[in-house]
Amino acid sequence: RTLGRVENAEFRIDIDVTGGTRRIAVRGDLDLATVGELRPALDDAIDAGEPTALVLADCTFLDSSALKVIADASRRAGDSGTVFAVSRPSPQAARVLELSGLGEIVTIDAPDYP
């Protein structure tokens, strides 16, 4: 079941719920200009108490504002007992997650993640 879609020319968020998990898929650059579109989608999922996967397979760039939103979502999910993970990050996203150390505090669901 598709819950929603937010998009502009270079950025898109697809939200899907199947098998009891809300998947929030990001396509394009996740940065200061677009992170405001992601935050409400994460907040809604965590507030609903649904297991949530932030799918970054098609994410082409992450900046520090994106890392903060991801870290905040992970913290809020943990505080509320909600499962939250970053799923299948693109090579670019995986590199930023690794260099930032965010992988130490956020679950990264990817078989080849360092």
N, C-alpha and C. Protein backbone atom coordinates (compact mmCIF):
# COMPACT_ATOMS: atom_id res chain seq x y z
N ARG A 1 0.85 -1.17 0.00
CA ARG A 1 0.00 0.00 0.00
C ARG A 1 0.89 1.23 0.00
N THR A 2 0.76 2.07 -0.96
CA THR A 2 1.53 3.30 -1.03
C THR A 2 0.79 4.37 -0.24
N LEU A 3 1.52 4.99 0.70
CA LEU A 3 0.91 6.01 1.54
C LEU A 3 1.09 7.41 0.99
N GLY A 4 2.16 7.63 0.27
CA GLY A 4 2.35 8.97 -0.22
C GLY A 4 3.59 9.12 -1.05
N ARG A 5 3.70 10.28 -1.64
CA ARG A 5 4.86 10.58 -2.48
C ARG A 5 5.09 12.08 -2.41
N VAL A 6 6.35 12.45 -2.21
CA VAL A 6 6.76 13.85 -2.25
C VAL A 6 7.88 13.92 -3.27
N GLU A 7 7.77 14.84 -4.22
CA GLU A 7 8.84 14.93 -5.20
C GLU A 7 8.98 16.32 -5.77
N ASN A 8 10.21 16.60 -6.19
CA ASN A 8 10.48 17.76 -7.02
C ASN A 8 11.36 17.27 -8.15
N ALA A 9 11.96 18.13 -8.91
CA ALA A 9 12.69 17.71 -10.11
C ALA A 9 13.81 16.72 -9.84
N GLU A 10 14.51 16.88 -8.75
CA GLU A 10 15.68 16.04 -8.48
C GLU A 10 15.52 15.17 -7.25
N PHE A 11 14.45 15.30 -6.51
CA PHE A 11 14.29 14.65 -5.21
C PHE A 11 12.91 14.02 -5.12
N ARG A 12 12.86 12.84 -4.52
CA ARG A 12 11.58 12.17 -4.36
C ARG A 12 11.60 11.28 -3.12
N ILE A 13 10.48 11.23 -2.43
CA ILE A 13 10.29 10.31 -1.32
C ILE A 13 9.08 9.46 -1.64
N ASP A 14 9.24 8.14 -1.57
CA ASP A 14 8.12 7.21 -1.72
C ASP A 14 7.92 6.52 -0.38
N ILE A 15 6.68 6.45 0.06
CA ILE A 15 6.36 5.80 1.33
C ILE A 15 5.45 4.63 1.05
N ASP A 16 5.84 3.48 1.56
CA ASP A 16 5.10 2.25 1.30
C ASP A 16 5.03 1.43 2.57
N VAL A 17 3.89 0.80 2.80
CA VAL A 17 3.74 -0.10 3.94
C VAL A 17 3.37 -1.48 3.41
N THR A 18 4.27 -2.42 3.59
CA THR A 18 3.99 -3.81 3.25
C THR A 18 4.62 -4.67 4.32
N GLY A 19 3.93 -5.70 4.70
CA GLY A 19 4.48 -6.61 5.69
C GLY A 19 4.68 -5.98 7.06
N GLY A 20 3.93 -4.92 7.36
CA GLY A 20 4.02 -4.31 8.67
C GLY A 20 5.16 -3.32 8.86
N THR A 21 5.95 -3.09 7.84
CA THR A 21 7.06 -2.14 7.92
C THR A 21 6.80 -0.97 7.00
N ARG A 22 7.02 0.24 7.51
CA ARG A 22 6.90 1.43 6.67
C ARG A 22 8.27 1.68 6.04
N ARG A 23 8.29 1.66 4.70
CA ARG A 23 9.52 1.93 3.96
C ARG A 23 9.44 3.33 3.38
N ILE A 24 10.43 4.14 3.75
CA ILE A 24 10.51 5.51 3.26
C ILE A 24 11.73 5.56 2.36
N ALA A 25 11.50 5.60 1.06
CA ALA A 25 12.59 5.53 0.09
C ALA A 25 12.91 6.92 -0.44
N VAL A 26 14.19 7.26 -0.40
CA VAL A 26 14.65 8.57 -0.86
C VAL A 26 15.38 8.41 -2.17
N ARG A 27 15.05 9.27 -3.13
CA ARG A 27 15.74 9.29 -4.42
C ARG A 27 16.29 10.70 -4.62
N GLY A 28 17.60 10.80 -4.88
CA GLY A 28 18.22 12.09 -5.12
C GLY A 28 19.03 12.56 -3.92
N ASP A 29 19.32 13.85 -3.89
CA ASP A 29 20.14 14.45 -2.83
C ASP A 29 19.30 14.72 -1.59
N LEU A 30 19.80 14.26 -0.46
CA LEU A 30 19.17 14.54 0.83
C LEU A 30 20.06 15.55 1.54
N ASP A 31 19.63 16.81 1.50
CA ASP A 31 20.45 17.90 2.02
C ASP A 31 19.55 18.96 2.65
N LEU A 32 20.13 20.09 2.99
CA LEU A 32 19.39 21.15 3.66
C LEU A 32 18.14 21.56 2.88
N ALA A 33 18.21 21.53 1.57
CA ALA A 33 17.08 21.94 0.73
C ALA A 33 15.94 20.93 0.72
N THR A 34 16.23 19.66 1.02
CA THR A 34 15.21 18.61 0.89
C THR A 34 14.87 17.90 2.21
N VAL A 35 15.72 18.04 3.20
CA VAL A 35 15.53 17.28 4.43
C VAL A 35 14.22 17.63 5.14
N GLY A 36 13.72 18.84 4.92
CA GLY A 36 12.44 19.22 5.50
C GLY A 36 11.27 18.40 4.99
N GLU A 37 11.43 17.79 3.84
CA GLU A 37 10.40 16.91 3.29
C GLU A 37 10.46 15.51 3.91
N LEU A 38 11.66 15.11 4.36
CA LEU A 38 11.83 13.79 4.95
C LEU A 38 11.38 13.76 6.41
N ARG A 39 11.68 14.81 7.14
CA ARG A 39 11.42 14.83 8.59
C ARG A 39 9.97 14.46 8.93
N PRO A 40 8.95 15.06 8.29
CA PRO A 40 7.56 14.69 8.64
C PRO A 40 7.24 13.22 8.36
N ALA A 41 7.80 12.68 7.30
CA ALA A 41 7.55 11.27 6.98
C ALA A 41 8.11 10.37 8.07
N LEU A 42 9.32 10.69 8.55
CA LEU A 42 9.91 9.91 9.65
C LEU A 42 9.12 10.10 10.94
N ASP A 43 8.75 11.34 11.23
CA ASP A 43 7.98 11.62 12.44
C ASP A 43 6.66 10.86 12.44
N ASP A 44 5.96 10.85 11.31
CA ASP A 44 4.68 10.14 11.23
C ASP A 44 4.85 8.65 11.50
N ALA A 45 5.89 8.06 10.92
CA ALA A 45 6.13 6.62 11.10
C ALA A 45 6.46 6.30 12.55
N ILE A 46 7.32 7.10 13.14
CA ILE A 46 7.72 6.84 14.53
C ILE A 46 6.56 7.09 15.47
N ASP A 47 5.81 8.17 15.24
CA ASP A 47 4.64 8.46 16.08
C ASP A 47 3.61 7.34 16.00
N ALA A 48 3.51 6.69 14.83
CA ALA A 48 2.56 5.57 14.66
C ALA A 48 3.09 4.28 15.28
N GLY A 49 4.36 4.28 15.67
CA GLY A 49 4.94 3.09 16.28
C GLY A 49 5.23 1.97 15.29
N GLU A 50 5.28 2.32 14.01
CA GLU A 50 5.52 1.30 12.98
C GLU A 50 7.00 1.06 12.77
N PRO A 51 7.41 -0.21 12.64
CA PRO A 51 8.80 -0.46 12.24
C PRO A 51 9.07 0.32 10.95
N THR A 52 10.20 1.00 10.91
CA THR A 52 10.48 1.92 9.82
C THR A 52 11.85 1.66 9.21
N ALA A 53 11.88 1.59 7.88
CA ALA A 53 13.14 1.46 7.15
C ALA A 53 13.29 2.69 6.26
N LEU A 54 14.39 3.40 6.45
CA LEU A 54 14.73 4.51 5.57
C LEU A 54 15.61 3.95 4.46
N VAL A 55 15.04 3.80 3.28
CA VAL A 55 15.73 3.16 2.16
C VAL A 55 16.51 4.23 1.39
N LEU A 56 17.84 4.07 1.37
CA LEU A 56 18.71 5.05 0.72
C LEU A 56 19.40 4.49 -0.52
N ALA A 57 18.82 3.47 -1.12
CA ALA A 57 19.43 2.82 -2.29
C ALA A 57 19.62 3.80 -3.45
N ASP A 58 18.71 4.76 -3.58
CA ASP A 58 18.78 5.73 -4.68
C ASP A 58 19.14 7.13 -4.20
N CYS A 59 19.69 7.23 -3.01
CA CYS A 59 20.13 8.51 -2.47
C CYS A 59 21.51 8.82 -3.04
N THR A 60 21.64 9.99 -3.63
CA THR A 60 22.90 10.34 -4.32
C THR A 60 23.83 11.20 -3.47
N PHE A 61 23.31 11.77 -2.37
CA PHE A 61 24.13 12.66 -1.54
C PHE A 61 23.48 12.83 -0.19
N LEU A 62 24.29 12.88 0.86
CA LEU A 62 23.83 13.20 2.21
C LEU A 62 24.69 14.32 2.76
N ASP A 63 24.08 15.31 3.41
CA ASP A 63 24.88 16.32 4.09
C ASP A 63 24.62 16.22 5.60
N SER A 64 25.21 17.14 6.35
CA SER A 64 25.11 17.06 7.81
C SER A 64 23.68 17.24 8.30
N SER A 65 22.86 18.02 7.59
CA SER A 65 21.47 18.17 8.02
C SER A 65 20.71 16.85 7.87
N ALA A 66 21.03 16.08 6.85
CA ALA A 66 20.41 14.77 6.67
C ALA A 66 20.86 13.81 7.77
N LEU A 67 22.15 13.85 8.09
CA LEU A 67 22.67 12.98 9.15
C LEU A 67 21.98 13.29 10.48
N LYS A 68 21.74 14.57 10.75
CA LYS A 68 21.07 14.95 11.99
C LYS A 68 19.65 14.43 12.03
N VAL A 69 18.91 14.55 10.93
CA VAL A 69 17.53 14.07 10.89
C VAL A 69 17.50 12.55 11.09
N ILE A 70 18.44 11.84 10.47
CA ILE A 70 18.50 10.38 10.63
C ILE A 70 18.84 10.02 12.07
N ALA A 71 19.82 10.70 12.66
CA ALA A 71 20.20 10.43 14.05
C ALA A 71 19.04 10.73 15.00
N ASP A 72 18.36 11.86 14.78
CA ASP A 72 17.21 12.21 15.62
C ASP A 72 16.10 11.18 15.51
N ALA A 73 15.83 10.72 14.29
CA ALA A 73 14.78 9.71 14.10
C ALA A 73 15.15 8.42 14.81
N SER A 74 16.40 8.03 14.70
CA SER A 74 16.86 6.80 15.37
C SER A 74 16.71 6.93 16.89
N ARG A 75 17.09 8.07 17.43
CA ARG A 75 16.98 8.30 18.87
C ARG A 75 15.52 8.26 19.31
N ARG A 76 14.65 8.98 18.57
CA ARG A 76 13.22 9.00 18.92
C ARG A 76 12.61 7.60 18.83
N ALA A 77 12.99 6.87 17.79
CA ALA A 77 12.47 5.51 17.64
C ALA A 77 12.92 4.64 18.82
N GLY A 78 14.19 4.74 19.17
CA GLY A 78 14.69 3.97 20.31
C GLY A 78 13.99 4.32 21.60
N ASP A 79 13.77 5.61 21.82
CA ASP A 79 13.08 6.06 23.04
C ASP A 79 11.66 5.54 23.11
N SER A 80 11.02 5.37 21.95
CA SER A 80 9.63 4.91 21.94
C SER A 80 9.49 3.40 21.74
N GLY A 81 10.62 2.72 21.57
CA GLY A 81 10.57 1.28 21.36
C GLY A 81 10.20 0.87 19.94
N THR A 82 10.34 1.80 19.00
CA THR A 82 10.02 1.54 17.60
C THR A 82 11.28 1.12 16.86
N VAL A 83 11.16 0.11 16.01
CA VAL A 83 12.30 -0.34 15.21
C VAL A 83 12.55 0.65 14.10
N PHE A 84 13.82 1.06 13.95
CA PHE A 84 14.22 1.99 12.89
C PHE A 84 15.56 1.55 12.34
N ALA A 85 15.69 1.55 11.01
CA ALA A 85 16.96 1.21 10.38
C ALA A 85 17.10 1.97 9.08
N VAL A 86 18.35 2.23 8.72
CA VAL A 86 18.68 2.71 7.38
C VAL A 86 18.89 1.46 6.55
N SER A 87 18.24 1.38 5.42
CA SER A 87 18.26 0.17 4.60
C SER A 87 18.93 0.42 3.26
N ARG A 88 19.79 -0.51 2.89
CA ARG A 88 20.43 -0.54 1.57
C ARG A 88 20.97 0.82 1.10
N PRO A 89 21.83 1.45 1.87
CA PRO A 89 22.35 2.75 1.40
C PRO A 89 23.15 2.60 0.11
N SER A 90 23.00 3.60 -0.76
CA SER A 90 23.81 3.64 -1.99
C SER A 90 25.28 3.74 -1.59
N PRO A 91 26.20 3.46 -2.50
CA PRO A 91 27.62 3.60 -2.16
C PRO A 91 27.97 5.00 -1.63
N GLN A 92 27.37 6.03 -2.23
CA GLN A 92 27.65 7.40 -1.78
C GLN A 92 27.12 7.61 -0.36
N ALA A 93 25.89 7.18 -0.10
CA ALA A 93 25.31 7.34 1.23
C ALA A 93 26.06 6.49 2.25
N ALA A 94 26.43 5.27 1.88
CA ALA A 94 27.15 4.39 2.79
C ALA A 94 28.48 5.01 3.21
N ARG A 95 29.15 5.63 2.27
CA ARG A 95 30.45 6.27 2.57
C ARG A 95 30.28 7.41 3.57
N VAL A 96 29.26 8.24 3.38
CA VAL A 96 29.01 9.34 4.31
C VAL A 96 28.62 8.80 5.69
N LEU A 97 27.77 7.78 5.72
CA LEU A 97 27.39 7.17 7.00
C LEU A 97 28.61 6.61 7.73
N GLU A 98 29.49 5.97 6.97
CA GLU A 98 30.69 5.39 7.56
C GLU A 98 31.62 6.48 8.10
N LEU A 99 31.90 7.49 7.27
CA LEU A 99 32.82 8.56 7.68
C LEU A 99 32.28 9.37 8.86
N SER A 100 30.98 9.54 8.91
CA SER A 100 30.38 10.33 9.99
C SER A 100 30.32 9.58 11.31
N GLY A 101 30.42 8.25 11.25
CA GLY A 101 30.29 7.44 12.45
C GLY A 101 28.84 7.17 12.82
N LEU A 102 27.91 7.60 11.99
CA LEU A 102 26.49 7.41 12.30
C LEU A 102 26.12 5.93 12.39
N GLY A 103 26.86 5.11 11.66
CA GLY A 103 26.60 3.67 11.71
C GLY A 103 26.82 3.07 13.09
N GLU A 104 27.49 3.81 13.97
CA GLU A 104 27.70 3.34 15.34
C GLU A 104 26.45 3.50 16.20
N ILE A 105 25.55 4.41 15.81
CA ILE A 105 24.37 4.65 16.63
C ILE A 105 23.05 4.35 15.91
N VAL A 106 23.12 4.16 14.60
CA VAL A 106 21.92 3.86 13.81
C VAL A 106 22.10 2.48 13.18
N THR A 107 21.06 1.67 13.21
CA THR A 107 21.13 0.36 12.57
C THR A 107 21.18 0.55 11.05
N ILE A 108 22.19 -0.06 10.43
CA ILE A 108 22.33 -0.03 8.97
C ILE A 108 22.05 -1.44 8.47
N ASP A 109 20.99 -1.59 7.70
CA ASP A 109 20.58 -2.89 7.19
C ASP A 109 21.07 -3.04 5.75
N ALA A 110 22.27 -3.56 5.63
CA ALA A 110 22.87 -3.79 4.31
C ALA A 110 23.94 -4.85 4.45
N PRO A 111 23.88 -5.90 3.63
CA PRO A 111 24.83 -7.00 3.78
C PRO A 111 26.29 -6.60 3.54
N ASP A 112 26.52 -5.59 2.71
CA ASP A 112 27.90 -5.22 2.40
C ASP A 112 28.34 -3.92 3.06
N TYR A 113 27.58 -3.44 4.05
CA TYR A 113 27.98 -2.22 4.74
C TYR A 113 29.17 -2.53 5.64
N PRO A 114 30.14 -1.62 5.69
CA PRO A 114 31.34 -1.86 6.53
C PRO A 114 30.96 -2.06 7.94
